Amino acid sequence: MNESEYIERVFCALKKVPPKSLLIIELANRFTKDGELDFIGLTEVQPEVNMACAEAKMYGAHTLVAVDTLKRLEAMPADV
């Protein structure tokens, strides 16, 4: 498989990835007033904040794995 075929396969795979809405973004939007975070409001929903942080860390870790995998594709020999 040549490089353009690899790129096409990666492109097709990435098109199938569903959009992701992170809770941390939703919370930031919900608890922003006049351009400032409402820290008191966030304190009141601390379990939700904790879950949002865990979700964002997991999503970030999985994104790094995907990026690393894509980088390694480029380094594969042409005869594989």
PDB file of N, CA and C in Angstrom:
ATOM      1  N   MET A   1       0.851  -1.171   0.000  1.00  0.00           N
ATOM      2  CA  MET A   1       0.000   0.000   0.000  1.00  0.00           C
ATOM      3  C   MET A   1       0.901   1.240   0.000  1.00  0.00           C
ATOM      4  N   ASN A   2       0.599   2.178  -0.881  1.00  0.00           N
ATOM      5  CA  ASN A   2       1.433   3.374  -0.955  1.00  0.00           C
ATOM      6  C   ASN A   2       0.920   4.463  -0.003  1.00  0.00           C
ATOM      7  N   GLU A   3       1.675   5.542   0.088  1.00  0.00           N
ATOM      8  CA  GLU A   3       1.360   6.602   1.050  1.00  0.00           C
ATOM      9  C   GLU A   3      -0.020   7.207   0.814  1.00  0.00           C
ATOM     10  N   SER A   4      -0.380   7.439  -0.437  1.00  0.00           N
ATOM     11  CA  SER A   4      -1.691   8.043  -0.697  1.00  0.00           C
ATOM     12  C   SER A   4      -2.830   7.104  -0.284  1.00  0.00           C
ATOM     13  N   GLU A   5      -2.607   5.797  -0.403  1.00  0.00           N
ATOM     14  CA  GLU A   5      -3.620   4.841   0.045  1.00  0.00           C
ATOM     15  C   GLU A   5      -3.743   4.847   1.568  1.00  0.00           C
ATOM     16  N   TYR A   6      -2.613   4.973   2.271  1.00  0.00           N
ATOM     17  CA  TYR A   6      -2.649   5.102   3.737  1.00  0.00           C
ATOM     18  C   TYR A   6      -3.411   6.357   4.146  1.00  0.00           C
ATOM     19  N   ILE A   7      -3.103   7.448   3.476  1.00  0.00           N
ATOM     20  CA  ILE A   7      -3.772   8.721   3.796  1.00  0.00           C
ATOM     21  C   ILE A   7      -5.271   8.589   3.575  1.00  0.00           C
ATOM     22  N   GLU A   8      -5.658   7.953   2.499  1.00  0.00           N
ATOM     23  CA  GLU A   8      -7.081   7.755   2.203  1.00  0.00           C
ATOM     24  C   GLU A   8      -7.750   6.905   3.287  1.00  0.00           C
ATOM     25  N   ARG A   9      -7.074   5.846   3.736  1.00  0.00           N
ATOM     26  CA  ARG A   9      -7.631   4.994   4.794  1.00  0.00           C
ATOM     27  C   ARG A   9      -7.796   5.772   6.095  1.00  0.00           C
ATOM     28  N   VAL A  10      -6.777   6.568   6.434  1.00  0.00           N
ATOM     29  CA  VAL A  10      -6.858   7.379   7.661  1.00  0.00           C
ATOM     30  C   VAL A  10      -7.988   8.387   7.538  1.00  0.00           C
ATOM     31  N   PHE A  11      -8.085   9.048   6.405  1.00  0.00           N
ATOM     32  CA  PHE A  11      -9.142  10.031   6.170  1.00  0.00           C
ATOM     33  C   PHE A  11     -10.521   9.392   6.322  1.00  0.00           C
ATOM     34  N   CYS A  12     -10.713   8.224   5.712  1.00  0.00           N
ATOM     35  CA  CYS A  12     -12.006   7.531   5.805  1.00  0.00           C
ATOM     36  C   CYS A  12     -12.323   7.135   7.250  1.00  0.00           C
ATOM     37  N   ALA A  13     -11.299   6.682   7.977  1.00  0.00           N
ATOM     38  CA  ALA A  13     -11.507   6.306   9.383  1.00  0.00           C
ATOM     39  C   ALA A  13     -11.884   7.527  10.214  1.00  0.00           C
ATOM     40  N   LEU A  14     -11.195   8.636   9.996  1.00  0.00           N
ATOM     41  CA  LEU A  14     -11.478   9.839  10.779  1.00  0.00           C
ATOM     42  C   LEU A  14     -12.869  10.408  10.475  1.00  0.00           C
ATOM     43  N   LYS A  15     -13.341  10.250   9.247  1.00  0.00           N
ATOM     44  CA  LYS A  15     -14.685  10.727   8.898  1.00  0.00           C
ATOM     45  C   LYS A  15     -15.759   9.997   9.682  1.00  0.00           C
ATOM     46  N   LYS A  16     -15.456   8.759  10.112  1.00  0.00           N
ATOM     47  CA  LYS A  16     -16.434   7.949  10.840  1.00  0.00           C
ATOM     48  C   LYS A  16     -16.469   8.258  12.334  1.00  0.00           C
ATOM     49  N   VAL A  17     -15.511   9.040  12.816  1.00  0.00           N
ATOM     50  CA  VAL A  17     -15.467   9.367  14.237  1.00  0.00           C
ATOM     51  C   VAL A  17     -16.596  10.351  14.541  1.00  0.00           C
ATOM     52  N   PRO A  18     -17.467   9.998  15.481  1.00  0.00           N
ATOM     53  CA  PRO A  18     -18.583  10.897  15.785  1.00  0.00           C
ATOM     54  C   PRO A  18     -18.098  12.155  16.512  1.00  0.00           C
ATOM     55  N   PRO A  19     -18.812  13.263  16.336  1.00  0.00           N
ATOM     56  CA  PRO A  19     -18.445  14.481  17.059  1.00  0.00           C
ATOM     57  C   PRO A  19     -18.545  14.244  18.564  1.00  0.00           C
ATOM     58  N   LYS A  20     -17.745  14.950  19.315  1.00  0.00           N
ATOM     59  CA  LYS A  20     -17.727  14.777  20.768  1.00  0.00           C
ATOM     60  C   LYS A  20     -18.018  16.118  21.430  1.00  0.00           C
ATOM     61  N   SER A  21     -18.940  16.110  22.337  1.00  0.00           N
ATOM     62  CA  SER A  21     -19.256  17.290  23.124  1.00  0.00           C
ATOM     63  C   SER A  21     -18.779  17.019  24.551  1.00  0.00           C
ATOM     64  N   LEU A  22     -17.759  17.732  24.968  1.00  0.00           N
ATOM     65  CA  LEU A  22     -17.193  17.504  26.296  1.00  0.00           C
ATOM     66  C   LEU A  22     -17.962  18.272  27.361  1.00  0.00           C
ATOM     67  N   LEU A  23     -18.188  17.610  28.490  1.00  0.00           N
ATOM     68  CA  LEU A  23     -18.904  18.209  29.611  1.00  0.00           C
ATOM     69  C   LEU A  23     -18.181  19.445  30.143  1.00  0.00           C
ATOM     70  N   ILE A  24     -16.847  19.441  30.096  1.00  0.00           N
ATOM     71  CA  ILE A  24     -16.087  20.572  30.628  1.00  0.00           C
ATOM     72  C   ILE A  24     -16.387  21.859  29.843  1.00  0.00           C
ATOM     73  N   ILE A  25     -16.613  21.711  28.530  1.00  0.00           N
ATOM     74  CA  ILE A  25     -16.971  22.866  27.698  1.00  0.00           C
ATOM     75  C   ILE A  25     -18.374  23.343  28.060  1.00  0.00           C
ATOM     76  N   GLU A  26     -19.289  22.393  28.238  1.00  0.00           N
ATOM     77  CA  GLU A  26     -20.655  22.742  28.619  1.00  0.00           C
ATOM     78  C   GLU A  26     -20.668  23.485  29.964  1.00  0.00           C
ATOM     79  N   LEU A  27     -19.904  22.977  30.931  1.00  0.00           N
ATOM     80  CA  LEU A  27     -19.845  23.632  32.242  1.00  0.00           C
ATOM     81  C   LEU A  27     -19.244  25.027  32.146  1.00  0.00           C
ATOM     82  N   ALA A  28     -18.185  25.155  31.375  1.00  0.00           N
ATOM     83  CA  ALA A  28     -17.562  26.472  31.211  1.00  0.00           C
ATOM     84  C   ALA A  28     -18.551  27.467  30.615  1.00  0.00           C
ATOM     85  N   ASN A  29     -19.324  27.018  29.640  1.00  0.00           N
ATOM     86  CA  ASN A  29     -20.338  27.897  29.041  1.00  0.00           C
ATOM     87  C   ASN A  29     -21.471  28.200  30.011  1.00  0.00           C
ATOM     88  N   ARG A  30     -21.893  27.193  30.754  1.00  0.00           N
ATOM     89  CA  ARG A  30     -23.023  27.354  31.671  1.00  0.00           C
ATOM     90  C   ARG A  30     -22.665  28.259  32.852  1.00  0.00           C
ATOM     91  N   PHE A  31     -21.404  28.217  33.298  1.00  0.00           N
ATOM     92  CA  PHE A  31     -21.016  28.957  34.497  1.00  0.00           C
ATOM     93  C   PHE A  31     -20.109  30.137  34.186  1.00  0.00           C
ATOM     94  N   THR A  32     -20.318  30.738  33.031  1.00  0.00           N
ATOM     95  CA  THR A  32     -19.611  31.975  32.690  1.00  0.00           C
ATOM     96  C   THR A  32     -20.616  33.118  32.727  1.00  0.00           C
ATOM     97  N   LYS A  33     -20.250  34.151  33.488  1.00  0.00           N
ATOM     98  CA  LYS A  33     -21.101  35.347  33.577  1.00  0.00           C
ATOM     99  C   LYS A  33     -20.228  36.553  33.301  1.00  0.00           C
ATOM    100  N   ASP A  34     -20.644  37.351  32.344  1.00  0.00           N
ATOM    101  CA  ASP A  34     -19.902  38.557  31.978  1.00  0.00           C
ATOM    102  C   ASP A  34     -18.438  38.261  31.668  1.00  0.00           C
ATOM    103  N   GLY A  35     -18.185  37.149  31.011  1.00  0.00           N
ATOM    104  CA  GLY A  35     -16.832  36.786  30.614  1.00  0.00           C
ATOM    105  C   GLY A  35     -15.973  36.210  31.727  1.00  0.00           C
ATOM    106  N   GLU A  36     -16.541  35.977  32.890  1.00  0.00           N
ATOM    107  CA  GLU A  36     -15.799  35.430  34.044  1.00  0.00           C
ATOM    108  C   GLU A  36     -16.448  34.132  34.498  1.00  0.00           C
ATOM    109  N   LEU A  37     -15.606  33.184  34.925  1.00  0.00           N
ATOM    110  CA  LEU A  37     -16.149  31.943  35.476  1.00  0.00           C
ATOM    111  C   LEU A  37     -16.803  32.198  36.830  1.00  0.00           C
ATOM    112  N   ASP A  38     -17.950  31.580  37.033  1.00  0.00           N
ATOM    113  CA  ASP A  38     -18.668  31.654  38.302  1.00  0.00           C
ATOM    114  C   ASP A  38     -18.167  30.508  39.190  1.00  0.00           C
ATOM    115  N   PHE A  39     -17.120  30.790  39.965  1.00  0.00           N
ATOM    116  CA  PHE A  39     -16.491  29.754  40.784  1.00  0.00           C
ATOM    117  C   PHE A  39     -17.418  29.243  41.889  1.00  0.00           C
ATOM    118  N   ILE A  40     -18.285  30.100  42.404  1.00  0.00           N
ATOM    119  CA  ILE A  40     -19.236  29.663  43.430  1.00  0.00           C
ATOM    120  C   ILE A  40     -20.220  28.668  42.826  1.00  0.00           C
ATOM    121  N   GLY A  41     -20.725  28.979  41.634  1.00  0.00           N
ATOM    122  CA  GLY A  41     -21.634  28.065  40.951  1.00  0.00           C
ATOM    123  C   GLY A  41     -20.966  26.738  40.632  1.00  0.00           C
ATOM    124  N   LEU A  42     -19.706  26.793  40.198  1.00  0.00           N
ATOM    125  CA  LEU A  42     -18.976  25.562  39.903  1.00  0.00           C
ATOM    126  C   LEU A  42     -18.753  24.733  41.161  1.00  0.00           C
ATOM    127  N   THR A  43     -18.541  25.403  42.284  1.00  0.00           N
ATOM    128  CA  THR A  43     -18.361  24.693  43.557  1.00  0.00           C
ATOM    129  C   THR A  43     -19.629  23.917  43.910  1.00  0.00           C
ATOM    130  N   GLU A  44     -20.771  24.488  43.584  1.00  0.00           N
ATOM    131  CA  GLU A  44     -22.047  23.840  43.893  1.00  0.00           C
ATOM    132  C   GLU A  44     -22.297  22.583  43.061  1.00  0.00           C
ATOM    133  N   VAL A  45     -21.598  22.444  41.940  1.00  0.00           N
ATOM    134  CA  VAL A  45     -21.764  21.254  41.092  1.00  0.00           C
ATOM    135  C   VAL A  45     -20.428  20.489  40.998  1.00  0.00           C
ATOM    136  N   GLN A  46     -19.717  20.454  42.118  1.00  0.00           N
ATOM    137  CA  GLN A  46     -18.379  19.853  42.153  1.00  0.00           C
ATOM    138  C   GLN A  46     -18.321  18.417  41.607  1.00  0.00           C
ATOM    139  N   PRO A  47     -19.293  17.557  41.917  1.00  0.00           N
ATOM    140  CA  PRO A  47     -19.230  16.212  41.329  1.00  0.00           C
ATOM    141  C   PRO A  47     -19.248  16.241  39.796  1.00  0.00           C
ATOM    142  N   GLU A  48     -20.037  17.151  39.229  1.00  0.00           N
ATOM    143  CA  GLU A  48     -20.093  17.315  37.775  1.00  0.00           C
ATOM    144  C   GLU A  48     -18.753  17.830  37.237  1.00  0.00           C
ATOM    145  N   VAL A  49     -18.133  18.752  37.976  1.00  0.00           N
ATOM    146  CA  VAL A  49     -16.824  19.285  37.585  1.00  0.00           C
ATOM    147  C   VAL A  49     -15.784  18.161  37.597  1.00  0.00           C
ATOM    148  N   ASN A  50     -15.815  17.339  38.635  1.00  0.00           N
ATOM    149  CA  ASN A  50     -14.874  16.220  38.728  1.00  0.00           C
ATOM    150  C   ASN A  50     -15.056  15.256  37.556  1.00  0.00           C
ATOM    151  N   MET A  51     -16.310  14.954  37.225  1.00  0.00           N
ATOM    152  CA  MET A  51     -16.585  14.061  36.105  1.00  0.00           C
ATOM    153  C   MET A  51     -16.116  14.691  34.794  1.00  0.00           C
ATOM    154  N   ALA A  52     -16.344  15.989  34.646  1.00  0.00           N
ATOM    155  CA  ALA A  52     -15.928  16.689  33.429  1.00  0.00           C
ATOM    156  C   ALA A  52     -14.412  16.666  33.277  1.00  0.00           C
ATOM    157  N   CYS A  53     -13.704  16.847  34.368  1.00  0.00           N
ATOM    158  CA  CYS A  53     -12.235  16.807  34.330  1.00  0.00           C
ATOM    159  C   CYS A  53     -11.737  15.415  33.958  1.00  0.00           C
ATOM    160  N   ALA A  54     -12.336  14.395  34.533  1.00  0.00           N
ATOM    161  CA  ALA A  54     -11.942  13.020  34.222  1.00  0.00           C
ATOM    162  C   ALA A  54     -12.226  12.706  32.752  1.00  0.00           C
ATOM    163  N   GLU A  55     -13.378  13.133  32.261  1.00  0.00           N
ATOM    164  CA  GLU A  55     -13.738  12.895  30.863  1.00  0.00           C
ATOM    165  C   GLU A  55     -12.748  13.595  29.929  1.00  0.00           C
ATOM    166  N   ALA A  56     -12.400  14.843  30.236  1.00  0.00           N
ATOM    167  CA  ALA A  56     -11.474  15.598  29.394  1.00  0.00           C
ATOM    168  C   ALA A  56     -10.086  14.962  29.392  1.00  0.00           C
ATOM    169  N   LYS A  57      -9.633  14.484  30.552  1.00  0.00           N
ATOM    170  CA  LYS A  57      -8.321  13.816  30.624  1.00  0.00           C
ATOM    171  C   LYS A  57      -8.322  12.539  29.796  1.00  0.00           C
ATOM    172  N   MET A  58      -9.391  11.759  29.889  1.00  0.00           N
ATOM    173  CA  MET A  58      -9.486  10.518  29.132  1.00  0.00           C
ATOM    174  C   MET A  58      -9.527  10.814  27.631  1.00  0.00           C
ATOM    175  N   TYR A  59     -10.320  11.791  27.248  1.00  0.00           N
ATOM    176  CA  TYR A  59     -10.431  12.152  25.831  1.00  0.00           C
ATOM    177  C   TYR A  59      -9.079  12.630  25.313  1.00  0.00           C
ATOM    178  N   GLY A  60      -8.385  13.437  26.114  1.00  0.00           N
ATOM    179  CA  GLY A  60      -7.061  13.920  25.727  1.00  0.00           C
ATOM    180  C   GLY A  60      -6.066  12.781  25.577  1.00  0.00           C
ATOM    181  N   ALA A  61      -6.097  11.833  26.502  1.00  0.00           N
ATOM    182  CA  ALA A  61      -5.187  10.688  26.438  1.00  0.00           C
ATOM    183  C   ALA A  61      -5.455   9.853  25.187  1.00  0.00           C
ATOM    184  N   HIS A  62      -6.714   9.627  24.888  1.00  0.00           N
ATOM    185  CA  HIS A  62      -7.054   8.854  23.690  1.00  0.00           C
ATOM    186  C   HIS A  62      -6.663   9.617  22.423  1.00  0.00           C
ATOM    187  N   THR A  63      -6.793  10.923  22.454  1.00  0.00           N
ATOM    188  CA  THR A  63      -6.379  11.734  21.306  1.00  0.00           C
ATOM    189  C   THR A  63      -4.878  11.614  21.085  1.00  0.00           C
ATOM    190  N   LEU A  64      -4.099  11.641  22.172  1.00  0.00           N
ATOM    191  CA  LEU A  64      -2.647  11.489  22.045  1.00  0.00           C
ATOM    192  C   LEU A  64      -2.274  10.124  21.471  1.00  0.00           C
ATOM    193  N   VAL A  65      -2.983   9.081  21.873  1.00  0.00           N
ATOM    194  CA  VAL A  65      -2.732   7.745  21.322  1.00  0.00           C
ATOM    195  C   VAL A  65      -3.028   7.738  19.818  1.00  0.00           C
ATOM    196  N   ALA A  66      -4.123   8.356  19.425  1.00  0.00           N
ATOM    197  CA  ALA A  66      -4.477   8.405  18.003  1.00  0.00           C
ATOM    198  C   ALA A  66      -3.430   9.167  17.207  1.00  0.00           C
ATOM    199  N   VAL A  67      -2.976  10.289  17.737  1.00  0.00           N
ATOM    200  CA  VAL A  67      -1.949  11.083  17.056  1.00  0.00           C
ATOM    201  C   VAL A  67      -0.663  10.278  16.931  1.00  0.00           C
ATOM    202  N   ASP A  68      -0.263   9.601  17.992  1.00  0.00           N
ATOM    203  CA  ASP A  68       0.951   8.789  17.956  1.00  0.00           C
ATOM    204  C   ASP A  68       0.834   7.679  16.911  1.00  0.00           C
ATOM    205  N   THR A  69      -0.337   7.063  16.834  1.00  0.00           N
ATOM    206  CA  THR A  69      -0.566   6.009  15.854  1.00  0.00           C
ATOM    207  C   THR A  69      -0.446   6.556  14.435  1.00  0.00           C
ATOM    208  N   LEU A  70      -1.016   7.727  14.202  1.00  0.00           N
ATOM    209  CA  LEU A  70      -0.935   8.339  12.873  1.00  0.00           C
ATOM    210  C   LEU A  70       0.504   8.700  12.517  1.00  0.00           C
ATOM    211  N   LYS A  71       1.277   9.161  13.494  1.00  0.00           N
ATOM    212  CA  LYS A  71       2.682   9.482  13.229  1.00  0.00           C
ATOM    213  C   LYS A  71       3.444   8.245  12.804  1.00  0.00           C
ATOM    214  N   ARG A  72       3.160   7.107  13.435  1.00  0.00           N
ATOM    215  CA  ARG A  72       3.866   5.872  13.120  1.00  0.00           C
ATOM    216  C   ARG A  72       3.493   5.335  11.736  1.00  0.00           C
ATOM    217  N   LEU A  73       2.301   5.631  11.264  1.00  0.00           N
ATOM    218  CA  LEU A  73       1.912   5.205   9.925  1.00  0.00           C
ATOM    219  C   LEU A  73       2.860   5.784   8.891  1.00  0.00           C
ATOM    220  N   GLU A  74       3.236   7.032   9.066  1.00  0.00           N
ATOM    221  CA  GLU A  74       4.112   7.718   8.126  1.00  0.00           C
ATOM    222  C   GLU A  74       5.491   7.034   8.072  1.00  0.00           C
ATOM    223  N   ALA A  75       5.927   6.436   9.155  1.00  0.00           N
ATOM    224  CA  ALA A  75       7.246   5.840   9.231  1.00  0.00           C
ATOM    225  C   ALA A  75       7.290   4.400   8.736  1.00  0.00           C
ATOM    226  N   MET A  76       6.136   3.838   8.386  1.00  0.00           N
ATOM    227  CA  MET A  76       6.119   2.443   7.933  1.00  0.00           C
ATOM    228  C   MET A  76       6.783   2.313   6.564  1.00  0.00           C
ATOM    229  N   PRO A  77       7.579   1.246   6.368  1.00  0.00           N
ATOM    230  CA  PRO A  77       8.202   1.033   5.069  1.00  0.00           C
ATOM    231  C   PRO A  77       7.157   0.763   3.981  1.00  0.00           C
ATOM    232  N   ALA A  78       7.448   1.109   2.777  1.00  0.00           N
ATOM    233  CA  ALA A  78       6.495   0.994   1.664  1.00  0.00           C
ATOM    234  C   ALA A  78       6.163  -0.465   1.342  1.00  0.00           C
ATOM    235  N   ASP A  79       7.048  -1.412   1.662  1.00  0.00           N
ATOM    236  CA  ASP A  79       6.814  -2.797   1.302  1.00  0.00           C
ATOM    237  C   ASP A  79       6.006  -3.580   2.324  1.00  0.00           C
ATOM    238  N   VAL A  80       5.486  -2.905   3.354  1.00  0.00           N
ATOM    239  CA  VAL A  80       4.700  -3.593   4.380  1.00  0.00           C
ATOM    240  C   VAL A  80       3.259  -3.649   3.964  1.00  0.00           C
TER     241      VAL A  80
END
